[in-house]
Amino acid sequence: MEAVDTRGPGALVVAVHVPGPGYTAGLVRGDVVLALGRTRVDDAADLARAVSRTRPGRPVTLTVRHADGTRQYLRAAPGVTT
């Protein structure tokens, strides 16, 4: 997936790679990632740092705000393409 800074807290998803962990987890363009595991995400750099600290293949929980304002918890396994 690719993400950029947004006006508020979080990282705005601008692209989801198919296949890829974000796609498998259910991320869609326009979602805002607010947390990865227990790590708060304030911007795209925070998200990149949080992902870099994860173990490939080990599932993590993403806290996501969808474009319609609803929140959802998604599970993704960084580094694993299915």
PDB file of N, CA and C in Angstrom:
ATOM      1  N   MET A   1       0.833  -1.171   0.000  1.00  0.00           N
ATOM      2  CA  MET A   1       0.000   0.000   0.000  1.00  0.00           C
ATOM      3  C   MET A   1       0.876   1.231   0.000  1.00  0.00           C
ATOM      4  N   GLU A   2       0.322   2.339  -0.394  1.00  0.00           N
ATOM      5  CA  GLU A   2       1.006   3.615  -0.365  1.00  0.00           C
ATOM      6  C   GLU A   2       0.142   4.587   0.426  1.00  0.00           C
ATOM      7  N   ALA A   3       0.795   5.403   1.258  1.00  0.00           N
ATOM      8  CA  ALA A   3       0.058   6.336   2.109  1.00  0.00           C
ATOM      9  C   ALA A   3       0.762   7.687   2.126  1.00  0.00           C
ATOM     10  N   VAL A   4      -0.022   8.727   2.354  1.00  0.00           N
ATOM     11  CA  VAL A   4       0.490  10.092   2.455  1.00  0.00           C
ATOM     12  C   VAL A   4      -0.080  10.740   3.708  1.00  0.00           C
ATOM     13  N   ASP A   5       0.475  11.887   4.053  1.00  0.00           N
ATOM     14  CA  ASP A   5      -0.047  12.630   5.205  1.00  0.00           C
ATOM     15  C   ASP A   5      -1.467  13.105   4.902  1.00  0.00           C
ATOM     16  N   THR A   6      -2.246  13.241   5.950  1.00  0.00           N
ATOM     17  CA  THR A   6      -3.612  13.749   5.842  1.00  0.00           C
ATOM     18  C   THR A   6      -3.721  14.999   6.708  1.00  0.00           C
ATOM     19  N   ARG A   7      -4.814  15.693   6.646  1.00  0.00           N
ATOM     20  CA  ARG A   7      -4.968  16.951   7.407  1.00  0.00           C
ATOM     21  C   ARG A   7      -5.011  16.738   8.907  1.00  0.00           C
ATOM     22  N   GLY A   8      -5.514  15.605   9.328  1.00  0.00           N
ATOM     23  CA  GLY A   8      -5.579  15.290  10.750  1.00  0.00           C
ATOM     24  C   GLY A   8      -4.630  14.154  11.067  1.00  0.00           C
ATOM     25  N   PRO A   9      -4.849  13.505  12.186  1.00  0.00           N
ATOM     26  CA  PRO A   9      -3.989  12.376  12.521  1.00  0.00           C
ATOM     27  C   PRO A   9      -4.227  11.203  11.567  1.00  0.00           C
ATOM     28  N   GLY A  10      -3.177  10.426  11.342  1.00  0.00           N
ATOM     29  CA  GLY A  10      -3.288   9.240  10.515  1.00  0.00           C
ATOM     30  C   GLY A  10      -2.551   9.370   9.209  1.00  0.00           C
ATOM     31  N   ALA A  11      -2.547   8.271   8.458  1.00  0.00           N
ATOM     32  CA  ALA A  11      -1.917   8.212   7.141  1.00  0.00           C
ATOM     33  C   ALA A  11      -2.984   7.806   6.133  1.00  0.00           C
ATOM     34  N   LEU A  12      -3.183   8.629   5.119  1.00  0.00           N
ATOM     35  CA  LEU A  12      -4.207   8.407   4.103  1.00  0.00           C
ATOM     36  C   LEU A  12      -3.712   7.394   3.079  1.00  0.00           C
ATOM     37  N   VAL A  13      -4.467   6.325   2.893  1.00  0.00           N
ATOM     38  CA  VAL A  13      -4.124   5.297   1.911  1.00  0.00           C
ATOM     39  C   VAL A  13      -4.503   5.812   0.522  1.00  0.00           C
ATOM     40  N   VAL A  14      -3.496   5.929  -0.359  1.00  0.00           N
ATOM     41  CA  VAL A  14      -3.745   6.424  -1.711  1.00  0.00           C
ATOM     42  C   VAL A  14      -3.649   5.317  -2.750  1.00  0.00           C
ATOM     43  N   ALA A  15      -3.092   4.168  -2.372  1.00  0.00           N
ATOM     44  CA  ALA A  15      -3.008   3.027  -3.285  1.00  0.00           C
ATOM     45  C   ALA A  15      -2.891   1.750  -2.467  1.00  0.00           C
ATOM     46  N   VAL A  16      -3.521   0.703  -2.962  1.00  0.00           N
ATOM     47  CA  VAL A  16      -3.440  -0.617  -2.330  1.00  0.00           C
ATOM     48  C   VAL A  16      -2.949  -1.586  -3.395  1.00  0.00           C
ATOM     49  N   HIS A  17      -1.826  -2.238  -3.132  1.00  0.00           N
ATOM     50  CA  HIS A  17      -1.234  -3.160  -4.100  1.00  0.00           C
ATOM     51  C   HIS A  17      -1.962  -4.503  -4.079  1.00  0.00           C
ATOM     52  N   VAL A  18      -2.261  -5.007  -5.292  1.00  0.00           N
ATOM     53  CA  VAL A  18      -2.954  -6.279  -5.443  1.00  0.00           C
ATOM     54  C   VAL A  18      -2.011  -7.221  -6.184  1.00  0.00           C
ATOM     55  N   PRO A  19      -1.614  -8.344  -5.637  1.00  0.00           N
ATOM     56  CA  PRO A  19      -1.893  -8.790  -4.276  1.00  0.00           C
ATOM     57  C   PRO A  19      -0.984  -8.071  -3.297  1.00  0.00           C
ATOM     58  N   GLY A  20      -1.341  -8.112  -2.048  1.00  0.00           N
ATOM     59  CA  GLY A  20      -0.530  -7.508  -1.000  1.00  0.00           C
ATOM     60  C   GLY A  20      -1.222  -7.613   0.338  1.00  0.00           C
ATOM     61  N   PRO A  21      -0.471  -7.382   1.411  1.00  0.00           N
ATOM     62  CA  PRO A  21      -1.037  -7.506   2.756  1.00  0.00           C
ATOM     63  C   PRO A  21      -2.192  -6.541   3.018  1.00  0.00           C
ATOM     64  N   GLY A  22      -2.078  -5.313   2.540  1.00  0.00           N
ATOM     65  CA  GLY A  22      -3.152  -4.338   2.747  1.00  0.00           C
ATOM     66  C   GLY A  22      -4.427  -4.744   2.033  1.00  0.00           C
ATOM     67  N   TYR A  23      -4.279  -5.226   0.822  1.00  0.00           N
ATOM     68  CA  TYR A  23      -5.438  -5.698   0.046  1.00  0.00           C
ATOM     69  C   TYR A  23      -6.088  -6.885   0.740  1.00  0.00           C
ATOM     70  N   THR A  24      -5.266  -7.833   1.181  1.00  0.00           N
ATOM     71  CA  THR A  24      -5.783  -9.021   1.857  1.00  0.00           C
ATOM     72  C   THR A  24      -6.520  -8.646   3.140  1.00  0.00           C
ATOM     73  N   ALA A  25      -6.008  -7.620   3.835  1.00  0.00           N
ATOM     74  CA  ALA A  25      -6.637  -7.187   5.092  1.00  0.00           C
ATOM     75  C   ALA A  25      -7.947  -6.451   4.861  1.00  0.00           C
ATOM     76  N   GLY A  26      -8.125  -5.877   3.674  1.00  0.00           N
ATOM     77  CA  GLY A  26      -9.357  -5.150   3.382  1.00  0.00           C
ATOM     78  C   GLY A  26      -9.199  -3.651   3.278  1.00  0.00           C
ATOM     79  N   LEU A  27      -7.952  -3.151   3.244  1.00  0.00           N
ATOM     80  CA  LEU A  27      -7.741  -1.708   3.065  1.00  0.00           C
ATOM     81  C   LEU A  27      -8.196  -1.281   1.674  1.00  0.00           C
ATOM     82  N   VAL A  28      -8.751  -0.090   1.596  1.00  0.00           N
ATOM     83  CA  VAL A  28      -9.132   0.486   0.312  1.00  0.00           C
ATOM     84  C   VAL A  28      -8.622   1.925   0.247  1.00  0.00           C
ATOM     85  N   ARG A  29      -8.462   2.398  -0.971  1.00  0.00           N
ATOM     86  CA  ARG A  29      -8.031   3.782  -1.164  1.00  0.00           C
ATOM     87  C   ARG A  29      -9.011   4.713  -0.471  1.00  0.00           C
ATOM     88  N   GLY A  30      -8.473   5.693   0.267  1.00  0.00           N
ATOM     89  CA  GLY A  30      -9.318   6.619   1.006  1.00  0.00           C
ATOM     90  C   GLY A  30      -9.392   6.310   2.488  1.00  0.00           C
ATOM     91  N   ASP A  31      -8.988   5.088   2.889  1.00  0.00           N
ATOM     92  CA  ASP A  31      -8.927   4.767   4.312  1.00  0.00           C
ATOM     93  C   ASP A  31      -7.818   5.584   4.972  1.00  0.00           C
ATOM     94  N   VAL A  32      -7.969   5.845   6.264  1.00  0.00           N
ATOM     95  CA  VAL A  32      -6.935   6.518   7.044  1.00  0.00           C
ATOM     96  C   VAL A  32      -6.492   5.555   8.136  1.00  0.00           C
ATOM     97  N   VAL A  33      -5.201   5.208   8.133  1.00  0.00           N
ATOM     98  CA  VAL A  33      -4.652   4.326   9.160  1.00  0.00           C
ATOM     99  C   VAL A  33      -4.333   5.174  10.382  1.00  0.00           C
ATOM    100  N   LEU A  34      -4.959   4.854  11.503  1.00  0.00           N
ATOM    101  CA  LEU A  34      -4.796   5.613  12.745  1.00  0.00           C
ATOM    102  C   LEU A  34      -3.815   4.956  13.709  1.00  0.00           C
ATOM    103  N   ALA A  35      -3.678   3.636  13.606  1.00  0.00           N
ATOM    104  CA  ALA A  35      -2.748   2.914  14.479  1.00  0.00           C
ATOM    105  C   ALA A  35      -2.358   1.606  13.828  1.00  0.00           C
ATOM    106  N   LEU A  36      -1.142   1.173  14.133  1.00  0.00           N
ATOM    107  CA  LEU A  36      -0.661  -0.138  13.724  1.00  0.00           C
ATOM    108  C   LEU A  36      -0.235  -0.839  15.000  1.00  0.00           C
ATOM    109  N   GLY A  37      -0.988  -1.858  15.376  1.00  0.00           N
ATOM    110  CA  GLY A  37      -0.775  -2.471  16.686  1.00  0.00           C
ATOM    111  C   GLY A  37      -1.110  -1.444  17.757  1.00  0.00           C
ATOM    112  N   ARG A  38      -0.196  -1.259  18.685  1.00  0.00           N
ATOM    113  CA  ARG A  38      -0.399  -0.268  19.751  1.00  0.00           C
ATOM    114  C   ARG A  38       0.256   1.068  19.450  1.00  0.00           C
ATOM    115  N   THR A  39       0.810   1.197  18.236  1.00  0.00           N
ATOM    116  CA  THR A  39       1.517   2.416  17.852  1.00  0.00           C
ATOM    117  C   THR A  39       0.583   3.375  17.140  1.00  0.00           C
ATOM    118  N   ARG A  40       0.413   4.554  17.714  1.00  0.00           N
ATOM    119  CA  ARG A  40      -0.418   5.593  17.090  1.00  0.00           C
ATOM    120  C   ARG A  40       0.273   6.093  15.821  1.00  0.00           C
ATOM    121  N   VAL A  41      -0.515   6.350  14.795  1.00  0.00           N
ATOM    122  CA  VAL A  41      -0.005   6.853  13.520  1.00  0.00           C
ATOM    123  C   VAL A  41      -0.520   8.270  13.326  1.00  0.00           C
ATOM    124  N   ASP A  42       0.400   9.239  13.379  1.00  0.00           N
ATOM    125  CA  ASP A  42       0.020  10.638  13.170  1.00  0.00           C
ATOM    126  C   ASP A  42       0.233  11.097  11.734  1.00  0.00           C
ATOM    127  N   ASP A  43       1.109  10.403  11.001  1.00  0.00           N
ATOM    128  CA  ASP A  43       1.388  10.772   9.616  1.00  0.00           C
ATOM    129  C   ASP A  43       1.980   9.573   8.886  1.00  0.00           C
ATOM    130  N   ALA A  44       2.262   9.752   7.587  1.00  0.00           N
ATOM    131  CA  ALA A  44       2.770   8.644   6.778  1.00  0.00           C
ATOM    132  C   ALA A  44       4.125   8.149   7.278  1.00  0.00           C
ATOM    133  N   ALA A  45       4.953   9.042   7.782  1.00  0.00           N
ATOM    134  CA  ALA A  45       6.266   8.630   8.309  1.00  0.00           C
ATOM    135  C   ALA A  45       6.102   7.727   9.527  1.00  0.00           C
ATOM    136  N   ASP A  46       5.147   8.043  10.395  1.00  0.00           N
ATOM    137  CA  ASP A  46       4.868   7.177  11.554  1.00  0.00           C
ATOM    138  C   ASP A  46       4.460   5.780  11.093  1.00  0.00           C
ATOM    139  N   LEU A  47       3.634   5.711  10.062  1.00  0.00           N
ATOM    140  CA  LEU A  47       3.188   4.421   9.550  1.00  0.00           C
ATOM    141  C   LEU A  47       4.375   3.633   9.003  1.00  0.00           C
ATOM    142  N   ALA A  48       5.232   4.286   8.229  1.00  0.00           N
ATOM    143  CA  ALA A  48       6.414   3.613   7.672  1.00  0.00           C
ATOM    144  C   ALA A  48       7.317   3.076   8.779  1.00  0.00           C
ATOM    145  N   ARG A  49       7.526   3.876   9.822  1.00  0.00           N
ATOM    146  CA  ARG A  49       8.366   3.430  10.947  1.00  0.00           C
ATOM    147  C   ARG A  49       7.723   2.248  11.663  1.00  0.00           C
ATOM    148  N   ALA A  50       6.422   2.307  11.876  1.00  0.00           N
ATOM    149  CA  ALA A  50       5.729   1.223  12.574  1.00  0.00           C
ATOM    150  C   ALA A  50       5.797  -0.072  11.765  1.00  0.00           C
ATOM    151  N   VAL A  51       5.610   0.017  10.458  1.00  0.00           N
ATOM    152  CA  VAL A  51       5.683  -1.172   9.606  1.00  0.00           C
ATOM    153  C   VAL A  51       7.098  -1.739   9.621  1.00  0.00           C
ATOM    154  N   SER A  52       8.101  -0.872   9.606  1.00  0.00           N
ATOM    155  CA  SER A  52       9.489  -1.350   9.584  1.00  0.00           C
ATOM    156  C   SER A  52       9.858  -2.107  10.856  1.00  0.00           C
ATOM    157  N   ARG A  53       9.140  -1.864  11.947  1.00  0.00           N
ATOM    158  CA  ARG A  53       9.423  -2.539  13.213  1.00  0.00           C
ATOM    159  C   ARG A  53       8.666  -3.858  13.361  1.00  0.00           C
ATOM    160  N   THR A  54       7.787  -4.169  12.419  1.00  0.00           N
ATOM    161  CA  THR A  54       7.033  -5.422  12.513  1.00  0.00           C
ATOM    162  C   THR A  54       7.857  -6.578  11.961  1.00  0.00           C
ATOM    163  N   ARG A  55       7.505  -7.778  12.377  1.00  0.00           N
ATOM    164  CA  ARG A  55       8.158  -8.978  11.866  1.00  0.00           C
ATOM    165  C   ARG A  55       7.391  -9.463  10.645  1.00  0.00           C
ATOM    166  N   PRO A  56       8.082  -9.717   9.534  1.00  0.00           N
ATOM    167  CA  PRO A  56       7.394 -10.216   8.340  1.00  0.00           C
ATOM    168  C   PRO A  56       6.597 -11.480   8.657  1.00  0.00           C
ATOM    169  N   GLY A  57       5.368 -11.489   8.206  1.00  0.00           N
ATOM    170  CA  GLY A  57       4.508 -12.642   8.399  1.00  0.00           C
ATOM    171  C   GLY A  57       3.753 -12.662   9.711  1.00  0.00           C
ATOM    172  N   ARG A  58       4.127 -11.797  10.638  1.00  0.00           N
ATOM    173  CA  ARG A  58       3.433 -11.772  11.928  1.00  0.00           C
ATOM    174  C   ARG A  58       2.263 -10.789  11.849  1.00  0.00           C
ATOM    175  N   PRO A  59       1.037 -11.264  12.008  1.00  0.00           N
ATOM    176  CA  PRO A  59      -0.133 -10.384  11.869  1.00  0.00           C
ATOM    177  C   PRO A  59      -0.152  -9.246  12.901  1.00  0.00           C
ATOM    178  N   VAL A  60      -0.584  -8.095  12.449  1.00  0.00           N
ATOM    179  CA  VAL A  60      -0.766  -6.931  13.312  1.00  0.00           C
ATOM    180  C   VAL A  60      -2.162  -6.374  13.068  1.00  0.00           C
ATOM    181  N   THR A  61      -2.664  -5.629  14.029  1.00  0.00           N
ATOM    182  CA  THR A  61      -3.982  -5.010  13.896  1.00  0.00           C
ATOM    183  C   THR A  61      -3.824  -3.569  13.437  1.00  0.00           C
ATOM    184  N   LEU A  62      -4.573  -3.210  12.427  1.00  0.00           N
ATOM    185  CA  LEU A  62      -4.622  -1.836  11.934  1.00  0.00           C
ATOM    186  C   LEU A  62      -5.927  -1.212  12.408  1.00  0.00           C
ATOM    187  N   THR A  63      -5.847  -0.019  12.974  1.00  0.00           N
ATOM    188  CA  THR A  63      -7.048   0.743  13.285  1.00  0.00           C
ATOM    189  C   THR A  63      -7.249   1.706  12.119  1.00  0.00           C
ATOM    190  N   VAL A  64      -8.401   1.594  11.471  1.00  0.00           N
ATOM    191  CA  VAL A  64      -8.648   2.320  10.231  1.00  0.00           C
ATOM    192  C   VAL A  64      -9.936   3.126  10.336  1.00  0.00           C
ATOM    193  N   ARG A  65      -9.900   4.345   9.795  1.00  0.00           N
ATOM    194  CA  ARG A  65     -11.120   5.144   9.632  1.00  0.00           C
ATOM    195  C   ARG A  65     -11.437   5.161   8.145  1.00  0.00           C
ATOM    196  N   HIS A  66     -12.630   4.702   7.797  1.00  0.00           N
ATOM    197  CA  HIS A  66     -13.043   4.689   6.397  1.00  0.00           C
ATOM    198  C   HIS A  66     -13.517   6.086   5.974  1.00  0.00           C
ATOM    199  N   ALA A  67     -13.660   6.266   4.690  1.00  0.00           N
ATOM    200  CA  ALA A  67     -14.075   7.557   4.136  1.00  0.00           C
ATOM    201  C   ALA A  67     -15.433   8.001   4.676  1.00  0.00           C
ATOM    202  N   ASP A  68     -16.292   7.045   5.043  1.00  0.00           N
ATOM    203  CA  ASP A  68     -17.607   7.408   5.574  1.00  0.00           C
ATOM    204  C   ASP A  68     -17.576   7.725   7.068  1.00  0.00           C
ATOM    205  N   GLY A  69     -16.376   7.673   7.674  1.00  0.00           N
ATOM    206  CA  GLY A  69     -16.223   8.026   9.084  1.00  0.00           C
ATOM    207  C   GLY A  69     -16.259   6.850  10.042  1.00  0.00           C
ATOM    208  N   THR A  70     -16.656   5.679   9.567  1.00  0.00           N
ATOM    209  CA  THR A  70     -16.686   4.513  10.451  1.00  0.00           C
ATOM    210  C   THR A  70     -15.268   4.011  10.707  1.00  0.00           C
ATOM    211  N   ARG A  71     -15.095   3.378  11.856  1.00  0.00           N
ATOM    212  CA  ARG A  71     -13.790   2.808  12.209  1.00  0.00           C
ATOM    213  C   ARG A  71     -13.876   1.300  12.166  1.00  0.00           C
ATOM    214  N   GLN A  72     -12.733   0.697  11.855  1.00  0.00           N
ATOM    215  CA  GLN A  72     -12.678  -0.758  11.768  1.00  0.00           C
ATOM    216  C   GLN A  72     -11.278  -1.221  12.156  1.00  0.00           C
ATOM    217  N   TYR A  73     -11.208  -2.413  12.725  1.00  0.00           N
ATOM    218  CA  TYR A  73      -9.927  -3.048  13.038  1.00  0.00           C
ATOM    219  C   TYR A  73      -9.692  -4.130  11.991  1.00  0.00           C
ATOM    220  N   LEU A  74      -8.558  -4.045  11.309  1.00  0.00           N
ATOM    221  CA  LEU A  74      -8.203  -5.015  10.278  1.00  0.00           C
ATOM    222  C   LEU A  74      -6.927  -5.739  10.701  1.00  0.00           C
ATOM    223  N   ARG A  75      -6.756  -6.981  10.260  1.00  0.00           N
ATOM    224  CA  ARG A  75      -5.545  -7.748  10.548  1.00  0.00           C
ATOM    225  C   ARG A  75      -4.749  -7.903   9.253  1.00  0.00           C
ATOM    226  N   ALA A  76      -3.463  -7.596   9.329  1.00  0.00           N
ATOM    227  CA  ALA A  76      -2.578  -7.718   8.172  1.00  0.00           C
ATOM    228  C   ALA A  76      -1.280  -8.372   8.607  1.00  0.00           C
ATOM    229  N   ALA A  77      -0.676  -9.100   7.675  1.00  0.00           N
ATOM    230  CA  ALA A  77       0.617  -9.728   7.913  1.00  0.00           C
ATOM    231  C   ALA A  77       1.633  -9.068   6.987  1.00  0.00           C
ATOM    232  N   PRO A  78       2.319  -8.010   7.457  1.00  0.00           N
ATOM    233  CA  PRO A  78       3.279  -7.296   6.596  1.00  0.00           C
ATOM    234  C   PRO A  78       4.312  -8.247   5.996  1.00  0.00           C
ATOM    235  N   GLY A  79       4.619  -8.012   4.721  1.00  0.00           N
ATOM    236  CA  GLY A  79       5.641  -8.798   4.062  1.00  0.00           C
ATOM    237  C   GLY A  79       5.144 -10.107   3.486  1.00  0.00           C
ATOM    238  N   VAL A  80       3.842 -10.387   3.625  1.00  0.00           N
ATOM    239  CA  VAL A  80       3.285 -11.630   3.097  1.00  0.00           C
ATOM    240  C   VAL A  80       2.287 -11.283   2.010  1.00  0.00           C
ATOM    241  N   THR A  81       2.528 -11.785   0.810  1.00  0.00           N
ATOM    242  CA  THR A  81       1.631 -11.541  -0.310  1.00  0.00           C
ATOM    243  C   THR A  81       0.824 -12.804  -0.576  1.00  0.00           C
ATOM    244  N   THR A  82      -0.500 -12.647  -0.588  1.00  0.00           N
ATOM    245  CA  THR A  82      -1.366 -13.800  -0.834  1.00  0.00           C
ATOM    246  C   THR A  82      -2.264 -13.547  -2.013  1.00  0.00           C
TER     247      THR A  82
END
